[in-house]
């Protein structure tokens, strides 16, 4: 149960409803732990040396010249 899918306010009242709601949240959390982690859709690397940064910027400028 993704919390982003909850778009309206609602009231949980009564011991049984509160328990069911808490169990649903706990179950959803446990399921999220079992899902395999996906690699990001992009690759990145850290540029530290000035020559690496310069080469990267030159390549970027060539690709984005208008």
PDB file of N, CA and C in Angstrom:
ATOM      1  N   UNK A   1       0.856  -1.173   0.000  1.00  0.00           N
ATOM      2  CA  UNK A   1       0.000   0.000   0.000  1.00  0.00           C
ATOM      3  C   UNK A   1       0.899   1.232   0.000  1.00  0.00           C
ATOM      4  N   UNK A   2       0.975   1.895  -1.109  1.00  0.00           N
ATOM      5  CA  UNK A   2       1.780   3.107  -1.184  1.00  0.00           C
ATOM      6  C   UNK A   2       1.033   4.263  -0.552  1.00  0.00           C
ATOM      7  N   UNK A   3       1.710   4.988   0.314  1.00  0.00           N
ATOM      8  CA  UNK A   3       1.028   6.110   0.970  1.00  0.00           C
ATOM      9  C   UNK A   3       0.710   7.208  -0.028  1.00  0.00           C
ATOM     10  N   UNK A   4       1.420   7.267  -1.140  1.00  0.00           N
ATOM     11  CA  UNK A   4       1.110   8.285  -2.146  1.00  0.00           C
ATOM     12  C   UNK A   4      -0.241   8.026  -2.810  1.00  0.00           C
ATOM     13  N   UNK A   5      -0.766   6.815  -2.671  1.00  0.00           N
ATOM     14  CA  UNK A   5      -2.069   6.516  -3.257  1.00  0.00           C
ATOM     15  C   UNK A   5      -3.207   6.976  -2.361  1.00  0.00           C
ATOM     16  N   UNK A   6      -2.907   7.383  -1.133  1.00  0.00           N
ATOM     17  CA  UNK A   6      -3.938   7.892  -0.227  1.00  0.00           C
ATOM     18  C   UNK A   6      -4.098   9.369  -0.520  1.00  0.00           C
ATOM     19  N   UNK A   7      -5.209   9.735  -1.151  1.00  0.00           N
ATOM     20  CA  UNK A   7      -5.404  11.117  -1.567  1.00  0.00           C
ATOM     21  C   UNK A   7      -6.494  11.834  -0.796  1.00  0.00           C
ATOM     22  N   UNK A   8      -7.189  11.138   0.074  1.00  0.00           N
ATOM     23  CA  UNK A   8      -8.272  11.754   0.845  1.00  0.00           C
ATOM     24  C   UNK A   8      -8.071  11.439   2.315  1.00  0.00           C
ATOM     25  N   UNK A   9      -8.589  12.326   3.146  1.00  0.00           N
ATOM     26  CA  UNK A   9      -8.563  12.062   4.580  1.00  0.00           C
ATOM     27  C   UNK A   9      -9.569  10.964   4.905  1.00  0.00           C
ATOM     28  N   UNK A  10      -9.260  10.169   5.869  1.00  0.00           N
ATOM     29  CA  UNK A  10     -10.193   9.139   6.316  1.00  0.00           C
ATOM     30  C   UNK A  10     -10.001   8.940   7.809  1.00  0.00           C
ATOM     31  N   UNK A  11     -11.004   8.378   8.433  1.00  0.00           N
ATOM     32  CA  UNK A  11     -10.986   8.171   9.874  1.00  0.00           C
ATOM     33  C   UNK A  11     -10.960   6.680  10.146  1.00  0.00           C
ATOM     34  N   UNK A  12     -10.033   6.258  10.987  1.00  0.00           N
ATOM     35  CA  UNK A  12      -9.958   4.878  11.424  1.00  0.00           C
ATOM     36  C   UNK A  12     -10.402   4.882  12.877  1.00  0.00           C
ATOM     37  N   UNK A  13     -11.516   4.226  13.138  1.00  0.00           N
ATOM     38  CA  UNK A  13     -12.027   4.237  14.514  1.00  0.00           C
ATOM     39  C   UNK A  13     -12.371   2.826  14.947  1.00  0.00           C
ATOM     40  N   UNK A  14     -12.309   2.613  16.216  1.00  0.00           N
ATOM     41  CA  UNK A  14     -12.619   1.288  16.739  1.00  0.00           C
ATOM     42  C   UNK A  14     -11.379   0.418  16.757  1.00  0.00           C
ATOM     43  N   UNK A  15     -11.284  -0.398  17.756  1.00  0.00           N
ATOM     44  CA  UNK A  15     -10.107  -1.238  17.954  1.00  0.00           C
ATOM     45  C   UNK A  15      -9.840  -2.143  16.762  1.00  0.00           C
ATOM     46  N   UNK A  16     -10.866  -2.748  16.231  1.00  0.00           N
ATOM     47  CA  UNK A  16     -10.684  -3.687  15.117  1.00  0.00           C
ATOM     48  C   UNK A  16     -10.155  -2.987  13.879  1.00  0.00           C
ATOM     49  N   UNK A  17     -10.739  -1.819  13.541  1.00  0.00           N
ATOM     50  CA  UNK A  17     -10.281  -1.078  12.356  1.00  0.00           C
ATOM     51  C   UNK A  17      -8.857  -0.581  12.535  1.00  0.00           C
ATOM     52  N   UNK A  18      -8.537  -0.095  13.727  1.00  0.00           N
ATOM     53  CA  UNK A  18      -7.183   0.390  13.987  1.00  0.00           C
ATOM     54  C   UNK A  18      -6.187  -0.749  13.841  1.00  0.00           C
ATOM     55  N   UNK A  19      -6.515  -1.895  14.366  1.00  0.00           N
ATOM     56  CA  UNK A  19      -5.627  -3.047  14.265  1.00  0.00           C
ATOM     57  C   UNK A  19      -5.448  -3.489  12.808  1.00  0.00           C
ATOM     58  N   UNK A  20      -6.534  -3.518  12.054  1.00  0.00           N
ATOM     59  CA  UNK A  20      -6.452  -3.903  10.643  1.00  0.00           C
ATOM     60  C   UNK A  20      -5.584  -2.910   9.865  1.00  0.00           C
ATOM     61  N   UNK A  21      -5.757  -1.619  10.147  1.00  0.00           N
ATOM     62  CA  UNK A  21      -4.981  -0.592   9.459  1.00  0.00           C
ATOM     63  C   UNK A  21      -3.494  -0.734   9.805  1.00  0.00           C
ATOM     64  N   UNK A  22      -3.176  -0.898  11.065  1.00  0.00           N
ATOM     65  CA  UNK A  22      -1.787  -1.057  11.495  1.00  0.00           C
ATOM     66  C   UNK A  22      -1.174  -2.308  10.876  1.00  0.00           C
ATOM     67  N   UNK A  23      -1.929  -3.388  10.822  1.00  0.00           N
ATOM     68  CA  UNK A  23      -1.425  -4.628  10.207  1.00  0.00           C
ATOM     69  C   UNK A  23      -1.149  -4.434   8.716  1.00  0.00           C
ATOM     70  N   UNK A  24      -2.026  -3.684   8.042  1.00  0.00           N
ATOM     71  CA  UNK A  24      -1.834  -3.440   6.612  1.00  0.00           C
ATOM     72  C   UNK A  24      -0.567  -2.632   6.363  1.00  0.00           C
ATOM     73  N   UNK A  25      -0.321  -1.642   7.210  1.00  0.00           N
ATOM     74  CA  UNK A  25       0.893  -0.841   7.063  1.00  0.00           C
ATOM     75  C   UNK A  25       2.124  -1.706   7.323  1.00  0.00           C
ATOM     76  N   UNK A  26       2.084  -2.495   8.362  1.00  0.00           N
ATOM     77  CA  UNK A  26       3.210  -3.376   8.693  1.00  0.00           C
ATOM     78  C   UNK A  26       3.472  -4.380   7.573  1.00  0.00           C
ATOM     79  N   UNK A  27       2.418  -4.950   7.022  1.00  0.00           N
ATOM     80  CA  UNK A  27       2.563  -5.924   5.937  1.00  0.00           C
ATOM     81  C   UNK A  27       3.175  -5.269   4.699  1.00  0.00           C
ATOM     82  N   UNK A  28       2.728  -4.063   4.396  1.00  0.00           N
ATOM     83  CA  UNK A  28       3.266  -3.338   3.252  1.00  0.00           C
ATOM     84  C   UNK A  28       4.746  -3.057   3.449  1.00  0.00           C
ATOM     85  N   UNK A  29       5.118  -2.671   4.644  1.00  0.00           N
ATOM     86  CA  UNK A  29       6.526  -2.407   4.947  1.00  0.00           C
ATOM     87  C   UNK A  29       7.357  -3.679   4.783  1.00  0.00           C
ATOM     88  N   UNK A  30       6.875  -4.784   5.298  1.00  0.00           N
ATOM     89  CA  UNK A  30       7.610  -6.046   5.195  1.00  0.00           C
ATOM     90  C   UNK A  30       7.777  -6.455   3.732  1.00  0.00           C
ATOM     91  N   UNK A  31       6.745  -6.248   2.917  1.00  0.00           N
ATOM     92  CA  UNK A  31       6.836  -6.570   1.494  1.00  0.00           C
ATOM     93  C   UNK A  31       7.905  -5.725   0.813  1.00  0.00           C
ATOM     94  N   UNK A  32       8.009  -4.466   1.219  1.00  0.00           N
ATOM     95  CA  UNK A  32       9.003  -3.586   0.606  1.00  0.00           C
ATOM     96  C   UNK A  32      10.422  -4.052   0.922  1.00  0.00           C
ATOM     97  N   UNK A  33      10.617  -4.701   2.054  1.00  0.00           N
ATOM     98  CA  UNK A  33      11.941  -5.203   2.415  1.00  0.00           C
ATOM     99  C   UNK A  33      12.327  -6.415   1.574  1.00  0.00           C
ATOM    100  N   UNK A  34      11.327  -7.169   1.123  1.00  0.00           N
ATOM    101  CA  UNK A  34      11.578  -8.386   0.366  1.00  0.00           C
ATOM    102  C   UNK A  34      11.819  -8.135  -1.121  1.00  0.00           C
ATOM    103  N   UNK A  35      11.405  -6.967  -1.627  1.00  0.00           N
ATOM    104  CA  UNK A  35      11.568  -6.671  -3.045  1.00  0.00           C
ATOM    105  C   UNK A  35      13.039  -6.497  -3.382  1.00  0.00           C
ATOM    106  N   UNK A  36      13.453  -7.029  -4.522  1.00  0.00           N
ATOM    107  CA  UNK A  36      14.854  -6.823  -4.924  1.00  0.00           C
ATOM    108  C   UNK A  36      15.091  -5.344  -5.232  1.00  0.00           C
ATOM    109  N   UNK A  37      16.250  -4.869  -4.886  1.00  0.00           N
ATOM    110  CA  UNK A  37      16.607  -3.473  -5.143  1.00  0.00           C
ATOM    111  C   UNK A  37      16.982  -3.325  -6.604  1.00  0.00           C
ATOM    112  N   UNK A  38      16.433  -2.304  -7.247  1.00  0.00           N
ATOM    113  CA  UNK A  38      16.727  -2.045  -8.652  1.00  0.00           C
ATOM    114  C   UNK A  38      17.911  -1.095  -8.752  1.00  0.00           C
ATOM    115  N   UNK A  39      18.736  -1.347  -9.743  1.00  0.00           N
ATOM    116  CA  UNK A  39      19.837  -0.432 -10.021  1.00  0.00           C
ATOM    117  C   UNK A  39      19.249   0.832 -10.641  1.00  0.00           C
ATOM    118  N   UNK A  40      19.853   1.972 -10.394  1.00  0.00           N
ATOM    119  CA  UNK A  40      19.337   3.201 -10.994  1.00  0.00           C
ATOM    120  C   UNK A  40      19.380   3.122 -12.521  1.00  0.00           C
ATOM    121  N   UNK A  41      18.522   3.875 -13.167  1.00  0.00           N
ATOM    122  CA  UNK A  41      18.428   3.865 -14.625  1.00  0.00           C
ATOM    123  C   UNK A  41      19.552   4.677 -15.266  1.00  0.00           C
ATOM    124  N   UNK A  42      20.442   5.209 -14.478  1.00  0.00           N
ATOM    125  CA  UNK A  42      21.531   6.014 -15.000  1.00  0.00           C
ATOM    126  C   UNK A  42      22.847   5.593 -14.344  1.00  0.00           C
ATOM    127  N   UNK A  43      23.926   5.912 -15.008  1.00  0.00           N
ATOM    128  CA  UNK A  43      25.249   5.655 -14.454  1.00  0.00           C
ATOM    129  C   UNK A  43      25.874   6.997 -14.101  1.00  0.00           C
ATOM    130  N   UNK A  44      26.641   7.004 -13.054  1.00  0.00           N
ATOM    131  CA  UNK A  44      27.326   8.232 -12.680  1.00  0.00           C
ATOM    132  C   UNK A  44      28.700   7.891 -12.138  1.00  0.00           C
ATOM    133  N   UNK A  45      29.550   8.875 -12.179  1.00  0.00           N
ATOM    134  CA  UNK A  45      30.849   8.714 -11.547  1.00  0.00           C
ATOM    135  C   UNK A  45      31.297  10.098 -11.088  1.00  0.00           C
ATOM    136  N   UNK A  46      32.095  10.108 -10.076  1.00  0.00           N
ATOM    137  CA  UNK A  46      32.547  11.360  -9.495  1.00  0.00           C
ATOM    138  C   UNK A  46      33.812  11.822 -10.202  1.00  0.00           C
ATOM    139  N   UNK A  47      33.795  13.068 -10.639  1.00  0.00           N
ATOM    140  CA  UNK A  47      34.976  13.654 -11.269  1.00  0.00           C
ATOM    141  C   UNK A  47      35.678  14.509 -10.229  1.00  0.00           C
ATOM    142  N   UNK A  48      36.951  14.236 -10.015  1.00  0.00           N
ATOM    143  CA  UNK A  48      37.699  14.975  -8.996  1.00  0.00           C
ATOM    144  C   UNK A  48      38.852  15.784  -9.581  1.00  0.00           C
ATOM    145  N   UNK A  49      39.587  15.154 -10.460  1.00  0.00           N
ATOM    146  CA  UNK A  49      40.778  15.807 -11.008  1.00  0.00           C
ATOM    147  C   UNK A  49      40.369  16.898 -11.999  1.00  0.00           C
ATOM    148  N   UNK A  50      41.067  18.034 -11.985  1.00  0.00           N
ATOM    149  CA  UNK A  50      40.727  19.128 -12.912  1.00  0.00           C
ATOM    150  C   UNK A  50      40.737  18.705 -14.376  1.00  0.00           C
ATOM    151  N   UNK A  51      41.680  17.838 -14.764  1.00  0.00           N
ATOM    152  CA  UNK A  51      41.716  17.406 -16.167  1.00  0.00           C
ATOM    153  C   UNK A  51      40.512  16.546 -16.531  1.00  0.00           C
ATOM    154  N   UNK A  52      40.020  15.737 -15.580  1.00  0.00           N
ATOM    155  CA  UNK A  52      38.801  14.944 -15.823  1.00  0.00           C
ATOM    156  C   UNK A  52      37.609  15.867 -16.025  1.00  0.00           C
ATOM    157  N   UNK A  53      37.505  16.873 -15.193  1.00  0.00           N
ATOM    158  CA  UNK A  53      36.392  17.824 -15.279  1.00  0.00           C
ATOM    159  C   UNK A  53      36.463  18.591 -16.594  1.00  0.00           C
ATOM    160  N   UNK A  54      37.655  19.034 -16.965  1.00  0.00           N
ATOM    161  CA  UNK A  54      37.836  19.775 -18.209  1.00  0.00           C
ATOM    162  C   UNK A  54      37.425  18.923 -19.415  1.00  0.00           C
ATOM    163  N   UNK A  55      37.884  17.675 -19.461  1.00  0.00           N
ATOM    164  CA  UNK A  55      37.521  16.782 -20.565  1.00  0.00           C
ATOM    165  C   UNK A  55      36.016  16.561 -20.628  1.00  0.00           C
ATOM    166  N   UNK A  56      35.400  16.371 -19.451  1.00  0.00           N
ATOM    167  CA  UNK A  56      33.958  16.162 -19.410  1.00  0.00           C
ATOM    168  C   UNK A  56      33.218  17.386 -19.940  1.00  0.00           C
ATOM    169  N   UNK A  57      33.633  18.583 -19.506  1.00  0.00           N
ATOM    170  CA  UNK A  57      32.963  19.808 -19.945  1.00  0.00           C
ATOM    171  C   UNK A  57      33.142  20.045 -21.440  1.00  0.00           C
ATOM    172  N   UNK A  58      34.307  19.719 -21.971  1.00  0.00           N
ATOM    173  CA  UNK A  58      34.529  19.854 -23.411  1.00  0.00           C
ATOM    174  C   UNK A  58      33.605  18.915 -24.180  1.00  0.00           C
ATOM    175  N   UNK A  59      33.499  17.700 -23.713  1.00  0.00           N
ATOM    176  CA  UNK A  59      32.616  16.714 -24.350  1.00  0.00           C
ATOM    177  C   UNK A  59      31.159  17.178 -24.259  1.00  0.00           C
ATOM    178  N   UNK A  60      30.761  17.711 -23.105  1.00  0.00           N
ATOM    179  CA  UNK A  60      29.381  18.183 -22.914  1.00  0.00           C
ATOM    180  C   UNK A  60      29.083  19.354 -23.853  1.00  0.00           C
ATOM    181  N   UNK A  61      30.030  20.303 -23.958  1.00  0.00           N
ATOM    182  CA  UNK A  61      29.840  21.471 -24.824  1.00  0.00           C
ATOM    183  C   UNK A  61      29.659  21.047 -26.272  1.00  0.00           C
ATOM    184  N   UNK A  62      30.481  20.088 -26.735  1.00  0.00           N
ATOM    185  CA  UNK A  62      30.363  19.606 -28.112  1.00  0.00           C
ATOM    186  C   UNK A  62      29.002  18.964 -28.356  1.00  0.00           C
ATOM    187  N   UNK A  63      28.521  18.226 -27.366  1.00  0.00           N
ATOM    188  CA  UNK A  63      27.231  17.535 -27.521  1.00  0.00           C
ATOM    189  C   UNK A  63      26.055  18.504 -27.474  1.00  0.00           C
ATOM    190  N   UNK A  64      26.238  19.680 -26.857  1.00  0.00           N
ATOM    191  CA  UNK A  64      25.120  20.611 -26.671  1.00  0.00           C
ATOM    192  C   UNK A  64      25.283  21.929 -27.428  1.00  0.00           C
ATOM    193  N   UNK A  65      26.156  21.959 -28.401  1.00  0.00           N
ATOM    194  CA  UNK A  65      26.303  23.169 -29.204  1.00  0.00           C
ATOM    195  C   UNK A  65      25.062  23.367 -30.038  1.00  0.00           C
ATOM    196  N   UNK A  66      24.654  24.598 -30.156  1.00  0.00           N
ATOM    197  CA  UNK A  66      23.421  24.858 -30.887  1.00  0.00           C
ATOM    198  C   UNK A  66      23.609  25.705 -32.009  1.00  0.00           C
TER     199      UNK A  66
END
